[in-house]
Every structure is written in structure tokens, then in C-alpha cells.
Amino acid sequence: MLSGMSALEEFLAIRRAVALWESRADAELGAIHGVGLSDFAALHALSQAPGHKLRRVDLAQRLALTPSGVTRLLAPLERRGIVTREEAGHDARATFAVLTRSGRTLVKDATTTMTNLAESLLSSLGARDRAAFAKLTAP
């Protein structure tokens, strides 16, 4: 435990730290690129996928969202032409989210911003603390 904090207090402190990091990332990404952190996470996942596309249900799983949550997240990105929807010919229920050319440019630029921000935020943590955070995300 941290400095005599209960497990609940530790959990809430970690939650607060993450919320502060997310708020800072949202502000920077919004000011520079016009997207938020959730948008960036989706765009980054698409940029890493073969053909820059994923089934929407797979994207939801990667982002820890529901399928309807992904639909709400992608709708403004689709309107801006950053992401497009592609039907899966063999399965009418499945659709893909596809990163457009302008989306690929945006995510490339935003990745530089997020890399710099992540390095800045995490530089205050020692290797042991970073390993502990990494362990929290393990399946």
C-alpha cells in the first residue's frame, strides 16, 4: 500500500491520476489535431491493423467499448472523412471501420504528439512503477 493508504484509496488515487492524464491528452490532442484521446485510441488501433481496417466489433473489443459505443465514437470521425464504413460482403451484419488517407495523415501527426506527451507523463515514474502499471493491463 502507498503511505498507509487503503486499497480503495490507492485505487481511487490511480483512477484520479489516469483521469488527469486523459484530460491533459484530450486538451493537447484537441488543440493541435481536433480529436480527443478516445478518437486517437480508435485511429491508432486502425492504423496498426492490416489494411488500416478492423471489424467494428473487433475495434470495440480493442478499445474496451460496446459495439454501440464504437458506433457513437466513430460517427463524428466518419462525418469528417477520417474514417469510413465498409460492408463485409459475405456477412451483412459485419461492417469494417477503415482509416482514410486523411485519417492516416492525422493519426501519424497525432502519434507524434501522443508519444511526446506519454514520455513526458511517464518520465516521472521509475521503472518499477511503470512495470506495475503495465501489469494492471495484462489479461
Protein backbone atom coordinates (compact mmCIF):
# COMPACT_ATOMS: atom_id res chain seq x y z
CA MET A 1 0.00 0.00 0.00
CA LEU A 2 1.02 3.56 -0.65
CA SER A 3 1.89 5.52 2.51
CA GLY A 4 -0.69 3.79 4.69
CA MET A 5 -3.48 4.18 2.13
CA SER A 6 -6.17 1.52 1.97
CA ALA A 7 -6.60 -0.49 -1.20
CA LEU A 8 -9.65 1.62 -2.03
CA GLU A 9 -7.74 4.86 -1.53
CA GLU A 10 -4.91 3.54 -3.73
CA PHE A 11 -7.39 2.53 -6.42
CA LEU A 12 -9.06 5.93 -6.37
CA ALA A 13 -5.68 7.68 -6.47
CA ILE A 14 -4.68 5.67 -9.55
CA ARG A 15 -8.05 6.45 -11.12
CA ARG A 16 -7.52 10.16 -10.46
CA ALA A 17 -4.03 10.07 -11.96
CA VAL A 18 -5.35 8.37 -15.10
CA ALA A 19 -8.21 10.88 -15.34
CA LEU A 20 -5.72 13.76 -15.10
CA TRP A 21 -3.53 12.19 -17.81
CA GLU A 22 -6.58 11.67 -20.04
CA SER A 23 -7.70 15.24 -19.51
CA ARG A 24 -4.28 16.56 -20.47
CA ALA A 25 -4.14 14.30 -23.54
CA ASP A 26 -7.66 15.38 -24.60
CA ALA A 27 -6.67 19.03 -24.29
CA GLU A 28 -3.44 18.66 -26.28
CA LEU A 29 -4.89 16.45 -28.98
CA GLY A 30 -7.93 18.71 -29.28
CA ALA A 31 -5.91 21.90 -29.53
CA ILE A 32 -3.40 20.54 -32.04
CA HIS A 33 -5.32 17.91 -34.04
CA GLY A 34 -9.02 18.42 -33.31
CA VAL A 35 -9.53 14.95 -31.80
CA GLY A 36 -9.80 13.59 -28.29
CA LEU A 37 -7.94 10.74 -26.65
CA SER A 38 -10.73 8.23 -27.34
CA ASP A 39 -10.70 9.26 -31.00
CA PHE A 40 -6.93 8.86 -31.08
CA ALA A 41 -7.11 5.41 -29.50
CA ALA A 42 -9.52 4.26 -32.23
CA LEU A 43 -7.47 5.84 -35.01
CA HIS A 44 -4.27 4.32 -33.63
CA ALA A 45 -5.85 0.85 -33.49
CA LEU A 46 -6.99 1.22 -37.12
CA SER A 47 -3.56 2.46 -38.19
CA GLN A 48 -1.95 -0.66 -36.74
CA ALA A 49 -4.40 -3.08 -38.38
CA PRO A 50 -3.76 -4.80 -41.72
CA GLY A 51 -5.18 -2.62 -44.48
CA HIS A 52 -5.92 0.06 -41.88
CA LYS A 53 -9.27 -1.54 -41.17
CA LEU A 54 -10.97 -3.57 -38.47
CA ARG A 55 -14.38 -5.08 -37.99
CA ARG A 56 -16.24 -2.67 -35.75
CA VAL A 57 -16.82 -5.42 -33.19
CA ASP A 58 -13.06 -6.10 -33.06
CA LEU A 59 -12.35 -2.40 -32.65
CA ALA A 60 -14.84 -2.32 -29.78
CA GLN A 61 -13.00 -5.17 -28.10
CA ARG A 62 -9.61 -3.47 -28.51
CA LEU A 63 -10.95 -0.25 -27.02
CA ALA A 64 -12.92 -1.97 -24.23
CA LEU A 65 -16.15 -0.47 -25.59
CA THR A 66 -19.51 -1.88 -26.57
CA PRO A 67 -20.34 -2.07 -30.27
CA SER A 68 -22.79 0.82 -29.84
CA GLY A 69 -20.05 2.78 -28.05
CA VAL A 70 -17.82 2.33 -31.11
CA THR A 71 -20.65 3.50 -33.37
CA ARG A 72 -21.02 6.69 -31.29
CA LEU A 73 -17.24 7.19 -31.26
CA LEU A 74 -16.82 6.73 -35.00
CA ALA A 75 -19.83 8.75 -36.20
CA PRO A 76 -18.14 12.18 -35.96
CA LEU A 77 -14.92 10.76 -37.45
CA GLU A 78 -16.94 9.39 -40.38
CA ARG A 79 -18.62 12.78 -40.90
CA ARG A 80 -15.16 14.39 -41.03
CA GLY A 81 -13.91 11.84 -43.57
CA ILE A 82 -11.26 10.45 -41.22
CA VAL A 83 -12.85 7.01 -41.06
CA THR A 84 -15.20 5.33 -43.48
CA ARG A 85 -17.52 2.36 -43.19
CA GLU A 86 -17.07 -0.67 -45.42
CA GLU A 87 -19.51 -3.54 -45.70
CA ALA A 88 -18.23 -7.09 -45.33
CA GLY A 89 -19.62 -8.68 -48.47
CA HIS A 90 -20.21 -12.12 -47.00
CA ASP A 91 -21.81 -11.01 -43.73
CA ALA A 92 -24.42 -8.25 -43.81
CA ARG A 93 -24.14 -7.83 -40.03
CA ALA A 94 -20.40 -7.13 -40.08
CA THR A 95 -19.00 -3.79 -41.13
CA PHE A 96 -15.46 -2.54 -41.10
CA ALA A 97 -14.12 0.77 -39.87
CA VAL A 98 -11.50 1.91 -42.35
CA LEU A 99 -8.95 4.67 -41.89
CA THR A 100 -9.00 7.06 -44.86
CA ARG A 101 -5.96 8.75 -46.37
CA SER A 102 -6.63 11.91 -44.35
CA GLY A 103 -7.14 9.72 -41.28
CA ARG A 104 -3.74 8.11 -41.81
CA THR A 105 -2.13 11.55 -42.00
CA LEU A 106 -3.96 12.69 -38.88
CA VAL A 107 -3.03 9.64 -36.84
CA LYS A 108 0.62 9.90 -37.93
CA ASP A 109 0.79 13.52 -36.72
CA ALA A 110 -1.21 12.82 -33.56
CA THR A 111 1.04 9.85 -32.74
CA THR A 112 4.00 12.21 -32.52
CA THR A 113 2.04 14.43 -30.12
CA MET A 114 0.91 11.48 -28.01
CA THR A 115 4.38 9.91 -27.94
CA ASN A 116 5.84 13.16 -26.62
CA LEU A 117 3.05 13.52 -24.07
CA ALA A 118 3.36 9.89 -22.92
CA GLU A 119 7.11 10.26 -22.49
CA SER A 120 6.58 13.46 -20.51
CA LEU A 121 3.90 11.96 -18.25
CA LEU A 122 5.66 8.67 -17.66
CA SER A 123 9.15 10.11 -17.19
CA SER A 124 8.32 10.90 -13.57
CA LEU A 125 7.72 7.20 -12.89
CA GLY A 126 10.53 4.82 -12.17
CA ALA A 127 10.90 1.50 -13.99
CA ARG A 128 9.25 -0.33 -11.10
CA ASP A 129 6.21 1.96 -11.13
CA ARG A 130 5.89 1.65 -14.91
CA ALA A 131 6.10 -2.13 -14.64
CA ALA A 132 3.33 -2.07 -12.02
CA PHE A 133 1.08 -0.04 -14.35
CA ALA A 134 1.86 -2.41 -17.22
CA LYS A 135 0.94 -5.34 -15.03
CA LEU A 136 -2.51 -3.81 -14.44
CA THR A 137 -3.29 -4.06 -18.16
CA ALA A 138 -2.21 -7.68 -18.56
CA PRO A 139 -5.05 -10.08 -19.43
